[in-house]
N, C-alpha and C. Protein backbone atom coordinates (compact mmCIF):
# COMPACT_ATOMS: atom_id res chain seq x y z
N MET A 1 31.74 19.23 19.57
CA MET A 1 31.01 20.67 19.30
C MET A 1 30.01 21.30 20.39
N ALA A 2 29.42 21.76 19.47
CA ALA A 2 29.64 23.24 20.82
C ALA A 2 27.82 23.12 20.78
N ARG A 3 27.76 23.37 21.61
CA ARG A 3 26.01 23.29 22.33
C ARG A 3 24.80 23.86 21.20
N GLY A 4 24.99 24.49 21.18
CA GLY A 4 24.46 25.43 19.83
C GLY A 4 24.24 24.26 18.49
N GLU A 5 25.35 24.35 17.40
CA GLU A 5 25.00 22.97 16.65
C GLU A 5 24.08 21.74 17.32
N ALA A 6 24.63 21.01 18.64
CA ALA A 6 23.82 20.10 19.15
C ALA A 6 22.41 20.49 19.02
N VAL A 7 21.94 21.52 19.31
CA VAL A 7 20.04 21.65 19.06
C VAL A 7 20.08 21.70 17.75
N SER A 8 21.32 22.23 17.19
CA SER A 8 20.43 22.35 15.65
C SER A 8 20.21 21.27 14.78
N GLU A 9 21.60 20.42 15.10
CA GLU A 9 21.48 19.35 14.80
C GLU A 9 20.60 18.89 15.11
N VAL A 10 19.80 18.57 15.72
CA VAL A 10 18.27 17.85 16.31
C VAL A 10 16.95 17.88 15.82
N LEU A 11 17.15 19.90 16.03
CA LEU A 11 15.94 20.30 14.62
C LEU A 11 16.56 19.95 13.57
N VAL A 12 17.51 19.82 12.33
CA VAL A 12 17.30 18.80 11.60
C VAL A 12 16.80 17.59 11.41
N ARG A 13 17.21 16.58 12.59
CA ARG A 13 16.14 15.54 11.97
C ARG A 13 15.09 15.18 13.01
N ASP A 14 14.35 16.77 13.79
CA ASP A 14 13.48 16.47 13.53
C ASP A 14 12.20 16.87 12.38
N GLU A 15 12.78 17.59 11.84
CA GLU A 15 12.85 18.38 10.30
C GLU A 15 12.33 17.15 8.65
N ALA A 16 13.41 16.91 8.95
CA ALA A 16 13.74 15.72 8.11
C ALA A 16 12.76 14.02 8.89
N VAL A 17 12.20 13.76 9.45
CA VAL A 17 12.13 13.06 10.18
C VAL A 17 10.33 13.56 9.25
N THR A 18 9.95 14.94 10.06
CA THR A 18 9.08 14.92 10.12
C THR A 18 8.72 14.41 8.58
N ALA A 19 9.45 14.95 8.04
CA ALA A 19 9.61 15.24 6.34
C ALA A 19 9.83 13.87 5.24
N LEU A 20 10.00 12.52 5.86
CA LEU A 20 10.39 11.62 5.87
C LEU A 20 8.17 10.91 5.96
N ARG A 21 8.06 11.41 7.57
CA ARG A 21 6.71 10.91 7.70
C ARG A 21 5.50 11.60 6.59
N ARG A 22 6.03 12.64 6.13
CA ARG A 22 4.62 13.33 5.15
C ARG A 22 5.15 12.49 3.95
N ALA A 23 6.30 11.86 3.36
CA ALA A 23 5.63 11.24 1.68
C ALA A 23 5.71 9.81 2.43
N ARG A 24 6.00 9.42 4.48
CA ARG A 24 5.63 7.83 4.10
C ARG A 24 3.49 8.20 3.81
N ASP A 25 2.58 8.85 4.48
CA ASP A 25 1.96 8.88 4.67
C ASP A 25 1.08 9.50 3.08
N LEU A 26 1.57 10.23 2.43
CA LEU A 26 1.34 10.13 0.46
C LEU A 26 1.62 8.50 0.37
N ALA A 27 2.12 8.12 0.84
CA ALA A 27 2.24 6.27 0.19
C ALA A 27 1.75 5.85 0.67
N ASP A 28 1.59 6.05 1.57
CA ASP A 28 0.41 5.22 2.13
C ASP A 28 -1.77 5.84 2.09
N SER A 29 -1.68 6.64 1.98
CA SER A 29 -2.99 6.98 1.13
C SER A 29 -3.35 7.22 -0.28
N ARG A 30 -1.89 6.90 -0.72
CA ARG A 30 -2.17 6.22 -2.27
C ARG A 30 -1.12 5.10 -3.35
N TYR A 31 -0.86 4.96 -2.04
CA TYR A 31 -0.50 3.26 -2.40
C TYR A 31 -1.20 2.85 -3.90
N ALA A 32 -2.23 2.92 -4.08
CA ALA A 32 -3.11 1.98 -5.50
C ALA A 32 -2.63 3.25 -5.95
N ASP A 33 -2.22 4.24 -6.57
CA ASP A 33 -1.47 4.84 -7.84
C ASP A 33 -0.80 4.69 -7.93
N GLU A 34 -0.44 5.36 -9.02
CA GLU A 34 1.54 5.11 -9.44
C GLU A 34 1.92 6.00 -9.43
N ILE A 35 2.16 5.78 -7.72
CA ILE A 35 3.99 6.61 -7.43
C ILE A 35 4.84 6.71 -7.30
N ASP A 36 5.79 7.68 -7.52
CA ASP A 36 7.10 6.40 -7.41
C ASP A 36 7.94 7.58 -6.18
N VAL A 37 8.93 7.17 -6.36
CA VAL A 37 10.70 7.98 -5.18
C VAL A 37 10.51 9.50 -5.60
N ASP A 38 10.39 9.57 -6.88
CA ASP A 38 10.43 11.06 -7.24
C ASP A 38 8.97 12.27 -6.64
N THR A 39 8.54 11.32 -6.20
CA THR A 39 6.83 11.86 -6.27
C THR A 39 7.60 12.21 -4.92
N LEU A 40 7.52 11.02 -4.38
CA LEU A 40 7.92 10.63 -2.31
C LEU A 40 8.47 12.19 -1.90
N ALA A 41 9.90 12.27 -2.93
CA ALA A 41 10.78 12.54 -2.27
C ALA A 41 10.04 14.20 -2.62
N ALA A 42 10.13 14.76 -3.64
CA ALA A 42 9.52 15.76 -3.79
C ALA A 42 8.42 15.99 -2.60
N SER A 43 7.84 15.72 -1.91
CA SER A 43 6.83 15.73 -1.39
C SER A 43 7.81 16.04 0.31
N ALA A 44 8.46 15.61 0.43
CA ALA A 44 9.50 15.74 1.75
C ALA A 44 10.57 16.83 1.79
N GLY A 45 10.47 17.66 0.33
CA GLY A 45 11.83 17.91 -0.43
C GLY A 45 12.58 18.26 -0.60
N TYR A 46 13.38 16.33 -1.29
CA TYR A 46 14.25 15.97 -0.75
C TYR A 46 15.00 15.47 -2.22
N SER A 47 16.40 15.32 -2.94
CA SER A 47 16.21 15.20 -3.96
C SER A 47 16.16 13.06 -3.45
N ARG A 48 16.17 12.57 -5.01
CA ARG A 48 15.63 11.84 -5.01
C ARG A 48 16.29 10.29 -3.54
N TYR A 49 17.61 10.71 -4.59
CA TYR A 49 19.09 10.15 -3.77
C TYR A 49 19.25 10.51 -1.98
N HIS A 50 18.94 11.55 -2.45
CA HIS A 50 19.15 12.07 -0.57
C HIS A 50 17.91 11.55 -0.43
N PHE A 51 16.66 11.67 -0.21
CA PHE A 51 15.30 11.19 0.68
C PHE A 51 15.23 9.70 0.62
N SER A 52 15.81 8.62 -0.91
CA SER A 52 15.78 7.18 -0.36
C SER A 52 16.53 6.77 1.11
N ARG A 53 18.26 7.78 0.70
CA ARG A 53 18.83 7.33 1.93
C ARG A 53 18.71 7.65 3.51
N LEU A 54 17.70 8.76 3.73
CA LEU A 54 17.24 8.61 4.29
C LEU A 54 16.66 8.16 5.13
N PHE A 55 15.28 8.06 4.24
CA PHE A 55 13.92 6.58 4.62
C PHE A 55 14.95 5.39 5.03
N ARG A 56 15.65 4.73 4.23
CA ARG A 56 15.62 3.60 4.91
C ARG A 56 16.87 3.89 5.81
N ARG A 57 17.19 4.60 6.18
CA ARG A 57 18.16 4.81 8.21
C ARG A 57 17.29 4.67 9.18
N VAL A 58 16.06 5.44 8.58
CA VAL A 58 15.00 6.02 9.32
C VAL A 58 14.24 4.73 9.26
N TYR A 59 13.58 4.33 8.23
CA TYR A 59 12.65 3.27 8.15
C TYR A 59 13.24 2.30 8.45
N GLY A 60 14.48 1.91 7.69
CA GLY A 60 14.64 0.74 7.32
C GLY A 60 14.31 -0.02 6.40
N GLU A 61 14.35 0.19 5.69
CA GLU A 61 13.71 -0.59 4.13
C GLU A 61 13.79 1.22 3.01
N THR A 62 13.78 0.70 1.65
CA THR A 62 13.88 1.56 0.21
C THR A 62 12.32 2.42 0.79
N PRO A 63 12.02 3.39 -0.17
CA PRO A 63 10.90 3.94 -0.58
C PRO A 63 9.90 2.70 -1.13
N GLY A 64 10.19 1.80 -1.68
CA GLY A 64 10.39 0.96 -2.90
C GLY A 64 9.42 -0.16 -2.60
N GLN A 65 10.15 -0.43 -1.29
CA GLN A 65 10.48 -1.87 -0.59
C GLN A 65 8.67 -1.56 0.46
N TYR A 66 9.18 -0.04 0.80
CA TYR A 66 7.69 0.16 1.93
C TYR A 66 7.08 0.06 1.00
N LEU A 67 6.67 1.07 -0.32
CA LEU A 67 5.51 1.16 -0.65
C LEU A 67 4.71 -0.68 -1.20
N SER A 68 5.88 -1.68 -1.92
CA SER A 68 5.46 -3.46 -1.69
C SER A 68 4.46 -3.60 -0.73
N ARG A 69 5.42 -3.40 0.16
CA ARG A 69 4.52 -3.97 1.21
C ARG A 69 3.92 -3.40 1.61
N ARG A 70 3.01 -1.94 1.51
CA ARG A 70 2.34 -1.29 1.93
C ARG A 70 1.10 -2.12 1.14
N ARG A 71 1.21 -2.21 -0.40
CA ARG A 71 -0.10 -3.06 -1.47
C ARG A 71 -0.12 -4.33 -1.02
N VAL A 72 1.01 -5.52 -1.01
CA VAL A 72 1.00 -6.22 -0.14
C VAL A 72 -0.63 -6.51 0.95
N GLU A 73 0.51 -6.21 2.06
CA GLU A 73 -1.03 -5.36 3.47
C GLU A 73 -1.89 -5.56 2.74
N ARG A 74 -2.16 -4.07 1.88
CA ARG A 74 -3.79 -4.36 0.89
C ARG A 74 -4.34 -5.46 0.86
N ALA A 75 -3.93 -6.36 -0.25
CA ALA A 75 -4.30 -6.67 -0.79
C ALA A 75 -4.17 -8.47 0.23
N GLN A 76 -3.81 -8.55 1.22
CA GLN A 76 -4.25 -9.07 2.38
C GLN A 76 -5.33 -9.12 2.70
N GLN A 77 -5.64 -7.51 2.77
CA GLN A 77 -7.41 -7.37 3.24
C GLN A 77 -8.34 -7.52 2.68
N ILE A 78 -8.01 -7.33 1.54
CA ILE A 78 -8.79 -8.19 -0.12
C ILE A 78 -9.15 -8.40 -0.33
N LEU A 79 -7.92 -9.57 -0.34
CA LEU A 79 -8.05 -11.06 -0.82
C LEU A 79 -8.77 -12.27 0.45
N SER A 80 -8.77 -11.71 1.88
CA SER A 80 -9.57 -12.98 2.54
C SER A 80 -10.54 -12.25 2.68
N SER A 81 -11.07 -11.66 2.44
CA SER A 81 -13.09 -11.36 2.70
C SER A 81 -13.89 -10.62 1.74
N THR A 82 -12.84 -11.32 0.09
CA THR A 82 -14.16 -10.72 -0.74
C THR A 82 -13.55 -11.90 -2.26
N ASN A 83 -14.28 -12.09 -2.61
CA ASN A 83 -14.18 -13.06 -3.40
C ASN A 83 -13.86 -12.77 -4.86
N LEU A 84 -13.25 -11.33 -4.77
CA LEU A 84 -12.00 -10.80 -6.02
C LEU A 84 -10.79 -12.06 -6.50
N THR A 85 -11.03 -11.71 -8.21
CA THR A 85 -9.58 -12.91 -8.19
C THR A 85 -8.47 -11.79 -7.89
N VAL A 86 -7.13 -12.57 -7.96
CA VAL A 86 -6.02 -12.24 -7.65
C VAL A 86 -5.48 -11.09 -8.56
N THR A 87 -6.22 -10.86 -10.27
CA THR A 87 -5.79 -10.58 -11.27
C THR A 87 -6.61 -9.60 -10.93
N GLU A 88 -7.77 -8.95 -10.38
CA GLU A 88 -8.32 -8.19 -9.72
C GLU A 88 -7.58 -7.34 -8.45
N VAL A 89 -7.37 -7.76 -7.89
CA VAL A 89 -6.52 -7.20 -6.64
C VAL A 89 -5.60 -6.57 -7.00
N CYS A 90 -4.54 -7.38 -7.59
CA CYS A 90 -3.29 -6.97 -8.22
C CYS A 90 -3.48 -5.79 -8.40
N HIS A 91 -4.12 -4.79 -9.17
CA HIS A 91 -4.69 -3.90 -10.66
C HIS A 91 -5.31 -3.03 -9.18
N LEU A 92 -6.19 -3.16 -8.91
CA LEU A 92 -6.69 -2.83 -6.86
C LEU A 92 -5.99 -2.18 -6.01
N VAL A 93 -4.70 -2.60 -5.70
CA VAL A 93 -4.02 -1.83 -4.97
C VAL A 93 -3.09 -2.13 -5.55
N GLY A 94 -2.33 -1.33 -6.59
CA GLY A 94 -1.46 -0.52 -7.95
C GLY A 94 -0.72 -1.48 -8.50
N PHE A 95 -0.47 -2.63 -8.28
CA PHE A 95 0.55 -3.08 -8.84
C PHE A 95 0.32 -3.32 -10.27
N THR A 96 1.48 -2.92 -11.77
CA THR A 96 0.78 -3.07 -12.97
C THR A 96 0.77 -4.53 -13.29
N SER A 97 2.29 -5.48 -12.59
CA SER A 97 1.72 -6.88 -13.39
C SER A 97 2.12 -8.38 -12.39
N LEU A 98 1.18 -8.41 -12.49
CA LEU A 98 0.30 -9.82 -11.56
C LEU A 98 1.40 -10.83 -11.54
N GLY A 99 2.83 -10.77 -12.71
CA GLY A 99 4.11 -11.67 -11.59
C GLY A 99 4.41 -11.39 -10.54
N SER A 100 4.65 -9.51 -10.46
CA SER A 100 5.56 -8.66 -9.89
C SER A 100 4.46 -9.10 -8.70
N PHE A 101 3.52 -8.86 -8.21
CA PHE A 101 2.71 -8.59 -7.66
C PHE A 101 2.30 -10.41 -7.11
N SER A 102 2.74 -11.58 -7.57
CA SER A 102 2.56 -12.65 -6.93
C SER A 102 4.08 -12.54 -6.63
N SER A 103 5.32 -12.40 -6.77
CA SER A 103 6.34 -12.94 -6.64
C SER A 103 6.13 -12.14 -4.99
N ARG A 104 6.41 -10.99 -4.99
CA ARG A 104 6.56 -10.35 -4.43
C ARG A 104 5.13 -10.31 -3.36
N PHE A 105 4.05 -10.92 -2.99
CA PHE A 105 3.34 -11.68 -2.29
C PHE A 105 3.53 -12.44 -1.22
N ARG A 106 4.47 -14.02 -2.51
CA ARG A 106 5.21 -14.64 -1.53
C ARG A 106 6.19 -14.23 -0.53
N ALA A 107 6.53 -13.74 -1.18
CA ALA A 107 8.30 -13.67 0.21
C ALA A 107 8.05 -12.31 1.10
N LEU A 108 7.55 -12.16 1.25
CA LEU A 108 6.22 -11.11 1.76
C LEU A 108 5.71 -12.10 2.69
N VAL A 109 4.19 -13.57 2.58
CA VAL A 109 4.03 -13.56 3.44
C VAL A 109 4.09 -15.19 3.25
N GLY A 110 4.90 -15.50 2.55
CA GLY A 110 5.06 -16.92 2.55
C GLY A 110 4.62 -18.16 1.92
N VAL A 111 3.04 -17.58 1.04
CA VAL A 111 2.27 -18.08 0.13
C VAL A 111 2.01 -17.61 -0.95
N GLY A 112 1.86 -18.01 -2.10
CA GLY A 112 1.04 -16.93 -3.08
C GLY A 112 -0.35 -16.24 -2.59
N PRO A 113 -0.21 -15.94 -3.45
CA PRO A 113 -1.49 -14.29 -3.71
C PRO A 113 -2.78 -15.68 -3.24
N GLN A 114 -3.03 -16.80 -4.42
CA GLN A 114 -4.21 -16.98 -4.85
C GLN A 114 -4.28 -18.88 -3.71
N GLU A 115 -2.90 -18.83 -3.35
CA GLU A 115 -3.30 -19.82 -1.64
C GLU A 115 -3.53 -19.25 -0.58
N TYR A 116 -2.70 -17.71 -0.41
CA TYR A 116 -3.47 -17.32 0.46
C TYR A 116 -4.64 -17.27 1.05
N GLN A 117 -5.89 -17.28 -0.25
CA GLN A 117 -7.10 -15.96 -0.47
C GLN A 117 -8.03 -17.55 -0.12
N ARG A 118 -7.27 -19.06 -0.69
CA ARG A 118 -7.93 -20.69 -1.01
C ARG A 118 -7.57 -20.85 0.69
N ARG A 119 -6.56 -20.19 1.71
CA ARG A 119 -6.16 -20.74 2.94
C ARG A 119 -7.74 -20.23 4.37
N LYS A 120 -8.10 -18.62 3.77
CA LYS A 120 -8.42 -18.06 4.50
C LYS A 120 -9.72 -18.03 4.14
N VAL A 121 -10.44 -18.97 2.62
CA VAL A 121 -11.96 -19.05 3.09
C VAL A 121 -12.02 -20.52 3.53
N ALA A 122 -11.21 -21.47 3.87
CA ALA A 122 -11.92 -22.76 4.56
C ALA A 122 -10.90 -22.82 5.74
N GLU A 123 -11.13 -21.42 6.43
CA GLU A 123 -11.26 -21.36 7.78
C GLU A 123 -12.08 -20.26 7.78
N GLY A 124 -13.24 -20.76 6.59
CA GLY A 124 -14.83 -20.38 7.40
C GLY A 124 -15.21 -19.19 7.03
N VAL A 125 -15.09 -18.15 7.24
CA VAL A 125 -14.63 -16.41 6.93
C VAL A 125 -15.45 -16.21 5.33
N PRO A 126 -16.89 -15.94 5.51
CA PRO A 126 -17.39 -16.04 3.79
C PRO A 126 -17.07 -14.94 3.21
N PRO A 127 -16.78 -14.96 2.12
CA PRO A 127 -15.90 -13.62 1.52
C PRO A 127 -17.59 -12.80 0.65
N ILE A 128 -17.09 -11.43 1.29
CA ILE A 128 -18.13 -10.26 0.49
C ILE A 128 -17.89 -11.00 -1.17
N PRO A 129 -19.57 -11.26 -1.77
CA PRO A 129 -18.17 -11.05 -3.60
C PRO A 129 -18.46 -9.83 -4.09
N GLY A 130 -17.23 -10.07 -4.39
CA GLY A 130 -16.96 -8.42 -5.02
C GLY A 130 -17.51 -7.55 -6.18
N CYS A 131 -17.92 -8.15 -7.20
CA CYS A 131 -19.19 -7.61 -7.82
C CYS A 131 -20.43 -6.68 -7.16
N PHE A 132 -20.53 -7.04 -5.85
CA PHE A 132 -21.47 -6.27 -4.42
C PHE A 132 -20.54 -4.86 -4.02
N LEU A 133 -19.33 -5.89 -4.16
CA LEU A 133 -17.86 -4.51 -3.33
C LEU A 133 -17.83 -3.19 -4.94
N LEU A 134 -17.74 -3.94 -5.87
CA LEU A 134 -17.89 -3.34 -7.42
C LEU A 134 -18.58 -2.08 -7.40
N LEU A 135 -20.06 -2.38 -7.18
CA LEU A 135 -21.28 -1.88 -7.14
C LEU A 135 -21.39 -0.80 -6.38
N ALA A 136 -21.24 -0.84 -6.11
CA ALA A 136 -21.46 -0.94 -4.15
C ALA A 136 -20.79 1.25 -4.01
N ALA A 137 -19.07 0.49 -4.25
CA ALA A 137 -18.40 1.59 -5.35
C ALA A 137 -18.69 2.53 -6.56
N GLY A 138 -20.09 2.63 -6.72
CA GLY A 138 -19.72 2.44 -8.36
C GLY A 138 -19.72 2.50 -9.31
N LEU A 139 -18.79 1.64 -9.57
CA LEU A 139 -18.62 0.79 -10.73
C LEU A 139 -18.73 -0.58 -11.07
N PRO A 140 -19.16 0.09 -12.18
CA PRO A 140 -19.99 -1.02 -12.77
C PRO A 140 -19.61 -2.37 -12.77
N THR A 141 -19.32 -3.76 -12.98
CA THR A 141 -18.90 -4.76 -12.96
C THR A 141 -17.77 -5.11 -14.56
N ALA A 142 -18.80 -4.74 -15.55
CA ALA A 142 -18.16 -4.95 -16.79
C ALA A 142 -17.33 -4.26 -17.05
N ASP A 143 -16.89 -3.45 -16.38
CA ASP A 143 -15.71 -1.16 -16.06
C ASP A 143 -14.70 -1.96 -15.31
N ARG A 144 -14.79 -3.05 -14.46
CA ARG A 144 -13.99 -3.09 -13.40
C ARG A 144 -12.44 -2.57 -13.90
N THR A 145 -11.46 -3.20 -14.96
CA THR A 145 -10.43 -2.88 -15.09
C THR A 145 -10.04 -1.91 -15.56
N THR A 146 -11.57 -1.25 -15.17
CA THR A 146 -10.53 0.43 -16.23
C THR A 146 -11.52 1.23 -14.60
N ALA A 147 -10.57 0.81 -13.53
CA ALA A 147 -11.27 1.86 -12.61
C ALA A 147 -10.03 2.15 -11.75
N ASP A 148 -11.19 3.20 -11.86
CA ASP A 148 -9.54 4.47 -11.36
C ASP A 148 -9.09 3.95 -9.97
N ARG A 149 -8.22 5.07 -9.50
CA ARG A 149 -7.68 4.66 -8.49
C ARG A 149 -7.70 5.00 -6.92
N THR A 150 -9.52 6.55 -6.61
CA THR A 150 -10.25 6.40 -5.70
C THR A 150 -11.50 4.93 -6.39
N THR A 151 -11.36 4.90 -6.40
CA THR A 151 -12.78 3.80 -6.38
C THR A 151 -11.44 2.69 -5.95
N ALA A 152 -10.69 2.11 -6.14
CA ALA A 152 -9.91 1.51 -4.85
C ALA A 152 -10.34 1.91 -3.75
N ASP A 153 -9.80 2.98 -3.15
CA ASP A 153 -9.69 3.65 -1.81
C ASP A 153 -11.40 3.74 -1.18
N ARG A 154 -12.11 3.77 -1.95
CA ARG A 154 -13.31 3.04 -1.69
C ARG A 154 -14.38 1.86 -1.24
N ILE A 155 -12.84 0.87 -2.54
CA ILE A 155 -13.33 -0.69 -2.37
C ILE A 155 -12.64 -1.24 -1.42
N THR A 156 -11.15 0.06 -0.89
CA THR A 156 -10.23 -1.01 0.90
C THR A 156 -11.48 -0.19 1.84
N ALA A 157 -11.71 1.17 1.86
CA ALA A 157 -12.71 1.78 2.88
C ALA A 157 -13.58 0.71 3.45
N ARG A 158 -14.33 -0.62 2.36
CA ARG A 158 -15.92 -1.04 2.37
C ARG A 158 -14.33 -2.77 3.04
N VAL A 159 -14.28 -2.59 2.65
CA VAL A 159 -13.60 -3.95 3.15
C VAL A 159 -13.33 -4.07 4.65
N GLU A 160 -12.38 -3.02 4.65
CA GLU A 160 -11.76 -2.34 6.28
C GLU A 160 -13.48 -2.63 7.29
N LYS A 161 -13.86 -1.64 6.06
CA LYS A 161 -15.57 -1.42 7.20
C LYS A 161 -16.36 -2.85 7.72
N GLN A 162 -16.61 -3.93 7.23
CA GLN A 162 -16.50 -5.05 6.55
C GLN A 162 -16.21 -6.34 7.49
N THR A 163 -14.62 -6.13 7.69
CA THR A 163 -13.84 -6.96 8.27
C THR A 163 -14.01 -6.17 9.43
N GLY A 164 -13.95 -4.63 10.04
CA GLY A 164 -13.04 -4.57 11.14
C GLY A 164 -11.74 -3.94 11.10
N GLN A 165 -11.99 -4.24 10.04
CA GLN A 165 -9.47 -3.74 10.32
C GLN A 165 -9.44 -2.49 10.00
N GLY A 166 -8.70 -2.30 10.57
CA GLY A 166 -8.03 -0.38 9.77
C GLY A 166 -7.38 -0.56 8.98
N ALA A 167 -6.41 0.59 8.69
CA ALA A 167 -5.35 0.89 7.74
C ALA A 167 -4.19 -0.25 8.63
N PRO A 168 -3.63 -0.67 8.34
CA PRO A 168 -2.40 -1.34 8.38
C PRO A 168 -1.57 -0.61 8.64
């Protein structure tokens, strides 16, 4: 390979990594939204299939696995610092199925979400009342299940502020 070809290949790789980071940042900022691989791929400027291959090669997991893991990480923060129900947390972090959420949570954390929350409460850190968080975010408690996704972001930001944890 000629020197010029090697340099251009490095630049292409840098551009690909930049595009993948852009897509990963989108997944991080919109984790609670209904976001799919097509949307992430479009933000990176790749086809769905090429994007998925590159993403896995660079980050070691598929875009869907990454998004799912980030949602579970957010759920851990919320479960450990609030008294929201597992179902409420499931929907706040972007899962649409409680069964899928619980299965993925157990696979990544080692225990189910309810057990995780019980253990955190037993550690002695008093949870922030969920109704307080929902009211502080501007959402009436009677309408919790119809929360728009920006509310989920505001709640997560408040939880992170209260617990002193930044985004993972």
